[in-house]
PDB file of N, CA and C in Angstrom:
ATOM      1  N   UNK A   1     135.901  38.636-195.091  1.00  0.00           N
ATOM      2  CA  UNK A   1     134.829  38.572-194.073  1.00  0.00           C
ATOM      3  C   UNK A   1     135.111  39.660-193.029  1.00  0.00           C
ATOM      4  N   UNK A   2     134.137  40.395-192.756  1.00  0.00           N
ATOM      5  CA  UNK A   2     134.232  41.454-191.750  1.00  0.00           C
ATOM      6  C   UNK A   2     133.722  41.000-190.399  1.00  0.00           C
ATOM      7  N   UNK A   3     133.801  41.819-189.344  1.00  0.00           N
ATOM      8  CA  UNK A   3     133.420  41.400-188.018  1.00  0.00           C
ATOM      9  C   UNK A   3     131.949  40.958-187.937  1.00  0.00           C
ATOM     10  N   UNK A   4     131.036  41.710-188.608  1.00  0.00           N
ATOM     11  CA  UNK A   4     129.629  41.403-188.558  1.00  0.00           C
ATOM     12  C   UNK A   4     129.419  40.072-189.199  1.00  0.00           C
ATOM     13  N   UNK A   5     130.018  39.856-190.327  1.00  0.00           N
ATOM     14  CA  UNK A   5     129.866  38.537-191.045  1.00  0.00           C
ATOM     15  C   UNK A   5     130.396  37.402-190.190  1.00  0.00           C
ATOM     16  N   UNK A   6     131.526  37.643-189.564  1.00  0.00           N
ATOM     17  CA  UNK A   6     132.183  36.699-188.651  1.00  0.00           C
ATOM     18  C   UNK A   6     131.249  36.352-187.530  1.00  0.00           C
ATOM     19  N   UNK A   7     130.598  37.325-186.831  1.00  0.00           N
ATOM     20  CA  UNK A   7     129.700  37.122-185.763  1.00  0.00           C
ATOM     21  C   UNK A   7     128.488  36.237-186.214  1.00  0.00           C
ATOM     22  N   UNK A   8     127.962  36.504-187.360  1.00  0.00           N
ATOM     23  CA  UNK A   8     126.861  35.794-187.912  1.00  0.00           C
ATOM     24  C   UNK A   8     127.234  34.363-188.202  1.00  0.00           C
ATOM     25  N   UNK A   9     128.428  34.144-188.751  1.00  0.00           N
ATOM     26  CA  UNK A   9     128.903  32.780-189.089  1.00  0.00           C
ATOM     27  C   UNK A   9     129.092  31.969-187.768  1.00  0.00           C
ATOM     28  N   UNK A  10     129.644  32.626-186.741  1.00  0.00           N
ATOM     29  CA  UNK A  10     129.877  31.931-185.447  1.00  0.00           C
ATOM     30  C   UNK A  10     128.572  31.561-184.799  1.00  0.00           C
ATOM     31  N   UNK A  11     127.641  32.498-184.846  1.00  0.00           N
ATOM     32  CA  UNK A  11     126.274  32.329-184.274  1.00  0.00           C
ATOM     33  C   UNK A  11     125.620  31.081-184.924  1.00  0.00           C
ATOM     34  N   UNK A  12     125.714  31.049-186.308  1.00  0.00           N
ATOM     35  CA  UNK A  12     125.020  29.992-187.020  1.00  0.00           C
ATOM     36  C   UNK A  12     125.656  28.628-186.744  1.00  0.00           C
ATOM     37  N   UNK A  13     126.939  28.505-186.737  1.00  0.00           N
ATOM     38  CA  UNK A  13     127.638  27.272-186.514  1.00  0.00           C
ATOM     39  C   UNK A  13     127.566  26.813-185.133  1.00  0.00           C
ATOM     40  N   UNK A  14     127.464  27.685-184.069  1.00  0.00           N
ATOM     41  CA  UNK A  14     127.442  27.285-182.711  1.00  0.00           C
ATOM     42  C   UNK A  14     126.081  27.161-182.121  1.00  0.00           C
ATOM     43  N   UNK A  15     125.079  27.754-182.801  1.00  0.00           N
ATOM     44  CA  UNK A  15     123.744  27.710-182.276  1.00  0.00           C
ATOM     45  C   UNK A  15     123.382  28.737-181.279  1.00  0.00           C
ATOM     46  N   UNK A  16     124.448  29.744-181.093  1.00  0.00           N
ATOM     47  CA  UNK A  16     124.230  30.787-180.200  1.00  0.00           C
ATOM     48  C   UNK A  16     123.448  31.983-180.947  1.00  0.00           C
ATOM     49  N   UNK A  17     122.942  32.868-180.124  1.00  0.00           N
ATOM     50  CA  UNK A  17     122.301  34.017-180.749  1.00  0.00           C
ATOM     51  C   UNK A  17     123.412  34.889-181.146  1.00  0.00           C
ATOM     52  N   UNK A  18     123.157  35.885-182.015  1.00  0.00           N
ATOM     53  CA  UNK A  18     124.172  36.779-182.489  1.00  0.00           C
ATOM     54  C   UNK A  18     124.725  37.626-181.323  1.00  0.00           C
ATOM     55  N   UNK A  19     123.886  37.953-180.376  1.00  0.00           N
ATOM     56  CA  UNK A  19     124.372  38.729-179.232  1.00  0.00           C
ATOM     57  C   UNK A  19     125.341  37.998-178.431  1.00  0.00           C
ATOM     58  N   UNK A  20     125.059  36.591-178.171  1.00  0.00           N
ATOM     59  CA  UNK A  20     125.984  35.832-177.390  1.00  0.00           C
ATOM     60  C   UNK A  20     127.203  35.511-178.164  1.00  0.00           C
ATOM     61  N   UNK A  21     127.125  35.314-179.455  1.00  0.00           N
ATOM     62  CA  UNK A  21     128.328  35.160-180.331  1.00  0.00           C
ATOM     63  C   UNK A  21     129.234  36.378-180.284  1.00  0.00           C
ATOM     64  N   UNK A  22     128.566  37.552-180.389  1.00  0.00           N
ATOM     65  CA  UNK A  22     129.338  38.765-180.366  1.00  0.00           C
ATOM     66  C   UNK A  22     130.105  38.951-178.955  1.00  0.00           C
ATOM     67  N   UNK A  23     129.361  38.589-177.889  1.00  0.00           N
ATOM     68  CA  UNK A  23     129.978  38.745-176.545  1.00  0.00           C
ATOM     69  C   UNK A  23     131.198  37.735-176.468  1.00  0.00           C
ATOM     70  N   UNK A  24     131.060  36.512-177.076  1.00  0.00           N
ATOM     71  CA  UNK A  24     132.074  35.548-176.992  1.00  0.00           C
ATOM     72  C   UNK A  24     133.254  35.964-177.760  1.00  0.00           C
ATOM     73  N   UNK A  25     133.059  36.514-178.960  1.00  0.00           N
ATOM     74  CA  UNK A  25     134.171  36.981-179.833  1.00  0.00           C
ATOM     75  C   UNK A  25     134.915  38.119-179.157  1.00  0.00           C
ATOM     76  N   UNK A  26     134.128  39.088-178.548  1.00  0.00           N
ATOM     77  CA  UNK A  26     134.718  40.290-177.899  1.00  0.00           C
ATOM     78  C   UNK A  26     135.534  39.791-176.718  1.00  0.00           C
ATOM     79  N   UNK A  27     135.015  38.825-175.955  1.00  0.00           N
ATOM     80  CA  UNK A  27     135.696  38.254-174.793  1.00  0.00           C
ATOM     81  C   UNK A  27     137.062  37.618-175.285  1.00  0.00           C
ATOM     82  N   UNK A  28     136.953  36.830-176.339  1.00  0.00           N
ATOM     83  CA  UNK A  28     138.207  36.234-176.867  1.00  0.00           C
ATOM     84  C   UNK A  28     139.270  37.290-177.239  1.00  0.00           C
ATOM     85  N   UNK A  29     138.880  38.269-177.984  1.00  0.00           N
ATOM     86  CA  UNK A  29     139.795  39.331-178.430  1.00  0.00           C
ATOM     87  C   UNK A  29     140.394  40.075-177.219  1.00  0.00           C
ATOM     88  N   UNK A  30     139.576  40.378-176.217  1.00  0.00           N
ATOM     89  CA  UNK A  30     140.001  41.071-175.044  1.00  0.00           C
ATOM     90  C   UNK A  30     141.010  40.231-174.257  1.00  0.00           C
ATOM     91  N   UNK A  31     140.724  38.919-174.089  1.00  0.00           N
ATOM     92  CA  UNK A  31     141.606  37.960-173.385  1.00  0.00           C
ATOM     93  C   UNK A  31     142.900  37.875-174.088  1.00  0.00           C
ATOM     94  N   UNK A  32     142.953  37.751-175.382  1.00  0.00           N
ATOM     95  CA  UNK A  32     144.227  37.625-176.129  1.00  0.00           C
ATOM     96  C   UNK A  32     144.967  38.885-176.018  1.00  0.00           C
ATOM     97  N   UNK A  33     144.278  40.042-176.178  1.00  0.00           N
ATOM     98  CA  UNK A  33     144.908  41.339-176.091  1.00  0.00           C
ATOM     99  C   UNK A  33     145.601  41.574-174.772  1.00  0.00           C
ATOM    100  N   UNK A  34     144.869  41.209-173.657  1.00  0.00           N
ATOM    101  CA  UNK A  34     145.382  41.426-172.369  1.00  0.00           C
ATOM    102  C   UNK A  34     146.633  40.530-172.112  1.00  0.00           C
ATOM    103  N   UNK A  35     146.545  39.318-172.504  1.00  0.00           N
ATOM    104  CA  UNK A  35     147.733  38.420-172.332  1.00  0.00           C
ATOM    105  C   UNK A  35     148.917  38.910-173.137  1.00  0.00           C
ATOM    106  N   UNK A  36     148.715  39.387-174.393  1.00  0.00           N
ATOM    107  CA  UNK A  36     149.860  39.862-175.155  1.00  0.00           C
ATOM    108  C   UNK A  36     150.455  41.158-174.582  1.00  0.00           C
ATOM    109  N   UNK A  37     149.592  41.924-174.075  1.00  0.00           N
ATOM    110  CA  UNK A  37     150.071  43.231-173.386  1.00  0.00           C
ATOM    111  C   UNK A  37     151.023  42.891-172.223  1.00  0.00           C
ATOM    112  N   UNK A  38     150.685  41.786-171.551  1.00  0.00           N
ATOM    113  CA  UNK A  38     151.518  41.397-170.407  1.00  0.00           C
ATOM    114  C   UNK A  38     152.770  40.726-170.885  1.00  0.00           C
ATOM    115  N   UNK A  39     152.942  40.448-172.181  1.00  0.00           N
ATOM    116  CA  UNK A  39     154.159  39.849-172.748  1.00  0.00           C
ATOM    117  C   UNK A  39     153.988  38.350-172.812  1.00  0.00           C
ATOM    118  N   UNK A  40     152.790  37.861-172.655  1.00  0.00           N
ATOM    119  CA  UNK A  40     152.558  36.367-172.649  1.00  0.00           C
ATOM    120  C   UNK A  40     152.313  35.893-174.016  1.00  0.00           C
ATOM    121  N   UNK A  41     151.905  34.616-174.128  1.00  0.00           N
ATOM    122  CA  UNK A  41     151.614  33.996-175.439  1.00  0.00           C
ATOM    123  C   UNK A  41     150.335  33.226-175.247  1.00  0.00           C
ATOM    124  N   UNK A  42     149.512  33.175-176.402  1.00  0.00           N
ATOM    125  CA  UNK A  42     148.288  32.420-176.317  1.00  0.00           C
ATOM    126  C   UNK A  42     148.398  31.402-177.474  1.00  0.00           C
ATOM    127  N   UNK A  43     148.368  30.106-177.030  1.00  0.00           N
ATOM    128  CA  UNK A  43     148.418  29.036-177.973  1.00  0.00           C
ATOM    129  C   UNK A  43     147.135  28.216-177.987  1.00  0.00           C
ATOM    130  N   UNK A  44     146.509  28.137-179.245  1.00  0.00           N
ATOM    131  CA  UNK A  44     145.273  27.315-179.371  1.00  0.00           C
ATOM    132  C   UNK A  44     145.669  26.149-180.214  1.00  0.00           C
ATOM    133  N   UNK A  45     145.683  24.943-179.602  1.00  0.00           N
ATOM    134  CA  UNK A  45     146.084  23.738-180.209  1.00  0.00           C
ATOM    135  C   UNK A  45     145.270  23.477-181.511  1.00  0.00           C
ATOM    136  N   UNK A  46     145.968  23.283-182.596  1.00  0.00           N
ATOM    137  CA  UNK A  46     145.380  23.022-183.851  1.00  0.00           C
ATOM    138  C   UNK A  46     145.041  24.227-184.701  1.00  0.00           C
ATOM    139  N   UNK A  47     145.057  25.407-184.049  1.00  0.00           N
ATOM    140  CA  UNK A  47     144.679  26.717-184.746  1.00  0.00           C
ATOM    141  C   UNK A  47     145.957  27.508-184.950  1.00  0.00           C
ATOM    142  N   UNK A  48     146.587  27.788-183.869  1.00  0.00           N
ATOM    143  CA  UNK A  48     147.832  28.605-183.964  1.00  0.00           C
ATOM    144  C   UNK A  48     148.241  29.306-182.634  1.00  0.00           C
ATOM    145  N   UNK A  49     149.208  30.205-182.638  1.00  0.00           N
ATOM    146  CA  UNK A  49     149.616  30.825-181.414  1.00  0.00           C
ATOM    147  C   UNK A  49     149.909  32.322-181.759  1.00  0.00           C
ATOM    148  N   UNK A  50     149.518  33.196-180.771  1.00  0.00           N
ATOM    149  CA  UNK A  50     149.752  34.584-180.861  1.00  0.00           C
ATOM    150  C   UNK A  50     150.848  34.891-179.866  1.00  0.00           C
ATOM    151  N   UNK A  51     151.795  35.698-180.286  1.00  0.00           N
ATOM    152  CA  UNK A  51     152.842  36.164-179.428  1.00  0.00           C
ATOM    153  C   UNK A  51     153.318  37.557-179.806  1.00  0.00           C
ATOM    154  N   UNK A  52     154.165  38.126-178.932  1.00  0.00           N
ATOM    155  CA  UNK A  52     154.711  39.449-179.185  1.00  0.00           C
ATOM    156  C   UNK A  52     156.133  39.338-179.702  1.00  0.00           C
ATOM    157  N   UNK A  53     156.460  40.060-180.732  1.00  0.00           N
ATOM    158  CA  UNK A  53     157.792  40.085-181.313  1.00  0.00           C
ATOM    159  C   UNK A  53     158.403  41.470-181.104  1.00  0.00           C
ATOM    160  N   UNK A  54     159.726  41.462-180.760  1.00  0.00           N
ATOM    161  CA  UNK A  54     160.325  42.733-180.522  1.00  0.00           C
ATOM    162  C   UNK A  54     161.021  43.099-181.880  1.00  0.00           C
ATOM    163  N   UNK A  55     160.680  44.236-182.447  1.00  0.00           N
ATOM    164  CA  UNK A  55     161.270  44.767-183.608  1.00  0.00           C
ATOM    165  C   UNK A  55     162.308  45.830-183.222  1.00  0.00           C
ATOM    166  N   UNK A  56     163.583  45.610-183.559  1.00  0.00           N
ATOM    167  CA  UNK A  56     164.661  46.570-183.224  1.00  0.00           C
ATOM    168  C   UNK A  56     164.624  47.840-184.017  1.00  0.00           C
ATOM    169  N   UNK A  57     165.232  48.821-183.494  1.00  0.00           N
ATOM    170  CA  UNK A  57     165.352  50.113-184.264  1.00  0.00           C
ATOM    171  C   UNK A  57     166.250  49.932-185.522  1.00  0.00           C
ATOM    172  N   UNK A  58     165.905  50.647-186.506  1.00  0.00           N
ATOM    173  CA  UNK A  58     166.692  50.493-187.759  1.00  0.00           C
ATOM    174  C   UNK A  58     166.561  51.750-188.621  1.00  0.00           C
ATOM    175  N   UNK A  59     167.410  51.713-189.566  1.00  0.00           N
ATOM    176  CA  UNK A  59     167.407  52.895-190.492  1.00  0.00           C
ATOM    177  C   UNK A  59     166.499  52.571-191.674  1.00  0.00           C
ATOM    178  N   UNK A  60     165.877  53.542-192.172  1.00  0.00           N
ATOM    179  CA  UNK A  60     164.991  53.388-193.349  1.00  0.00           C
ATOM    180  C   UNK A  60     165.166  54.584-194.284  1.00  0.00           C
ATOM    181  N   UNK A  61     164.444  54.540-195.375  1.00  0.00           N
ATOM    182  CA  UNK A  61     164.447  55.610-196.374  1.00  0.00           C
ATOM    183  C   UNK A  61     162.963  56.015-196.710  1.00  0.00           C
ATOM    184  N   UNK A  62     162.722  57.352-196.589  1.00  0.00           N
ATOM    185  CA  UNK A  62     161.396  57.781-196.980  1.00  0.00           C
ATOM    186  C   UNK A  62     161.284  57.716-198.476  1.00  0.00           C
ATOM    187  N   UNK A  63     160.373  56.902-198.917  1.00  0.00           N
ATOM    188  CA  UNK A  63     160.226  56.686-200.398  1.00  0.00           C
ATOM    189  C   UNK A  63     159.922  57.909-201.224  1.00  0.00           C
ATOM    190  N   UNK A  64     159.246  58.879-200.613  1.00  0.00           N
ATOM    191  CA  UNK A  64     158.868  60.056-201.292  1.00  0.00           C
ATOM    192  C   UNK A  64     160.010  61.057-201.458  1.00  0.00           C
ATOM    193  N   UNK A  65     160.812  61.236-200.396  1.00  0.00           N
ATOM    194  CA  UNK A  65     161.906  62.226-200.408  1.00  0.00           C
ATOM    195  C   UNK A  65     163.288  61.631-200.575  1.00  0.00           C
ATOM    196  N   UNK A  66     163.282  60.322-200.369  1.00  0.00           N
ATOM    197  CA  UNK A  66     164.604  59.598-200.452  1.00  0.00           C
ATOM    198  C   UNK A  66     165.581  59.939-199.265  1.00  0.00           C
ATOM    199  N   UNK A  67     165.025  60.584-198.260  1.00  0.00           N
ATOM    200  CA  UNK A  67     165.823  60.975-197.127  1.00  0.00           C
ATOM    201  C   UNK A  67     165.917  59.781-196.138  1.00  0.00           C
ATOM    202  N   UNK A  68     167.068  59.635-195.494  1.00  0.00           N
ATOM    203  CA  UNK A  68     167.165  58.584-194.509  1.00  0.00           C
ATOM    204  C   UNK A  68     166.336  58.932-193.229  1.00  0.00           C
ATOM    205  N   UNK A  69     165.693  57.946-192.680  1.00  0.00           N
ATOM    206  CA  UNK A  69     164.993  58.189-191.352  1.00  0.00           C
ATOM    207  C   UNK A  69     165.278  57.078-190.402  1.00  0.00           C
ATOM    208  N   UNK A  70     165.074  57.372-189.160  1.00  0.00           N
ATOM    209  CA  UNK A  70     165.281  56.374-188.095  1.00  0.00           C
ATOM    210  C   UNK A  70     164.001  55.844-187.753  1.00  0.00           C
ATOM    211  N   UNK A  71     163.858  54.483-187.786  1.00  0.00           N
ATOM    212  CA  UNK A  71     162.614  53.821-187.357  1.00  0.00           C
ATOM    213  C   UNK A  71     162.782  53.242-185.969  1.00  0.00           C
ATOM    214  N   UNK A  72     162.009  53.765-185.023  1.00  0.00           N
ATOM    215  CA  UNK A  72     162.185  53.321-183.620  1.00  0.00           C
ATOM    216  C   UNK A  72     161.842  51.828-183.414  1.00  0.00           C
ATOM    217  N   UNK A  73     162.380  51.284-182.251  1.00  0.00           N
ATOM    218  CA  UNK A  73     162.071  49.920-181.836  1.00  0.00           C
ATOM    219  C   UNK A  73     160.556  49.889-181.480  1.00  0.00           C
ATOM    220  N   UNK A  74     159.998  48.721-181.662  1.00  0.00           N
ATOM    221  CA  UNK A  74     158.532  48.549-181.320  1.00  0.00           C
ATOM    222  C   UNK A  74     158.296  47.099-181.084  1.00  0.00           C
ATOM    223  N   UNK A  75     157.080  46.877-180.589  1.00  0.00           N
ATOM    224  CA  UNK A  75     156.534  45.524-180.410  1.00  0.00           C
ATOM    225  C   UNK A  75     155.448  45.284-181.467  1.00  0.00           C
ATOM    226  N   UNK A  76     155.420  44.037-181.987  1.00  0.00           N
ATOM    227  CA  UNK A  76     154.455  43.641-182.945  1.00  0.00           C
ATOM    228  C   UNK A  76     153.844  42.353-182.589  1.00  0.00           C
ATOM    229  N   UNK A  77     152.556  42.185-182.950  1.00  0.00           N
ATOM    230  CA  UNK A  77     151.916  40.881-182.696  1.00  0.00           C
ATOM    231  C   UNK A  77     152.228  39.953-183.777  1.00  0.00           C
ATOM    232  N   UNK A  78     152.535  38.740-183.454  1.00  0.00           N
ATOM    233  CA  UNK A  78     152.969  37.700-184.335  1.00  0.00           C
ATOM    234  C   UNK A  78     151.935  36.494-184.225  1.00  0.00           C
ATOM    235  N   UNK A  79     151.579  36.008-185.319  1.00  0.00           N
ATOM    236  CA  UNK A  79     150.704  34.787-185.341  1.00  0.00           C
ATOM    237  C   UNK A  79     151.363  33.710-186.120  1.00  0.00           C
ATOM    238  N   UNK A  80     151.420  32.534-185.545  1.00  0.00           N
ATOM    239  CA  UNK A  80     151.968  31.333-186.216  1.00  0.00           C
ATOM    240  C   UNK A  80     150.891  30.357-186.283  1.00  0.00           C
ATOM    241  N   UNK A  81     150.509  29.935-187.529  1.00  0.00           N
ATOM    242  CA  UNK A  81     149.444  28.985-187.771  1.00  0.00           C
ATOM    243  C   UNK A  81     149.897  27.617-187.236  1.00  0.00           C
ATOM    244  N   UNK A  82     148.935  26.817-186.671  1.00  0.00           N
ATOM    245  CA  UNK A  82     149.123  25.506-186.265  1.00  0.00           C
ATOM    246  C   UNK A  82     149.118  24.533-187.399  1.00  0.00           C
ATOM    247  N   UNK A  83     149.586  23.291-187.083  1.00  0.00           N
ATOM    248  CA  UNK A  83     149.628  22.247-188.141  1.00  0.00           C
ATOM    249  C   UNK A  83     148.344  21.984-188.846  1.00  0.00           C
ATOM    250  N   UNK A  84     147.298  21.803-188.017  1.00  0.00           N
ATOM    251  CA  UNK A  84     145.907  21.592-188.592  1.00  0.00           C
ATOM    252  C   UNK A  84     145.428  22.644-189.499  1.00  0.00           C
ATOM    253  N   UNK A  85     145.646  23.904-189.067  1.00  0.00           N
ATOM    254  CA  UNK A  85     145.169  24.992-189.877  1.00  0.00           C
ATOM    255  C   UNK A  85     145.983  25.069-191.183  1.00  0.00           C
ATOM    256  N   UNK A  86     147.285  24.845-191.066  1.00  0.00           N
ATOM    257  CA  UNK A  86     148.106  24.812-192.260  1.00  0.00           C
ATOM    258  C   UNK A  86     147.724  23.763-193.235  1.00  0.00           C
ATOM    259  N   UNK A  87     147.361  22.596-192.750  1.00  0.00           N
ATOM    260  CA  UNK A  87     146.941  21.492-193.534  1.00  0.00           C
ATOM    261  C   UNK A  87     145.590  21.804-194.234  1.00  0.00           C
ATOM    262  N   UNK A  88     144.721  22.483-193.626  1.00  0.00           N
ATOM    263  CA  UNK A  88     143.380  22.796-194.136  1.00  0.00           C
ATOM    264  C   UNK A  88     143.530  23.743-195.315  1.00  0.00           C
ATOM    265  N   UNK A  89     144.430  24.670-195.309  1.00  0.00           N
ATOM    266  CA  UNK A  89     144.509  25.733-196.325  1.00  0.00           C
ATOM    267  C   UNK A  89     145.440  25.277-197.531  1.00  0.00           C
ATOM    268  N   UNK A  90     146.029  24.109-197.384  1.00  0.00           N
ATOM    269  CA  UNK A  90     146.932  23.655-198.530  1.00  0.00           C
ATOM    270  C   UNK A  90     146.187  23.280-199.723  1.00  0.00           C
TER     271      UNK A  90
END
């Protein structure tokens, strides 16, 4: 499902217009992004939680040339599914 299909599905299930559903989804994404950028966590009961994970620097190998490379430290977004979501997909 792509973004357009997702907006249509949300609009249909919520009774909102597609424009309002798009605004709501964009506001959700912006709010989660802003909170994660600040180093916070967003937990949605029954759905899951978004957080930032620190990935440490490490050594790697370029698969094409087989040369060793240094992979720098970085931050990555982590999502952990909630119990209700996990039960639904079983």
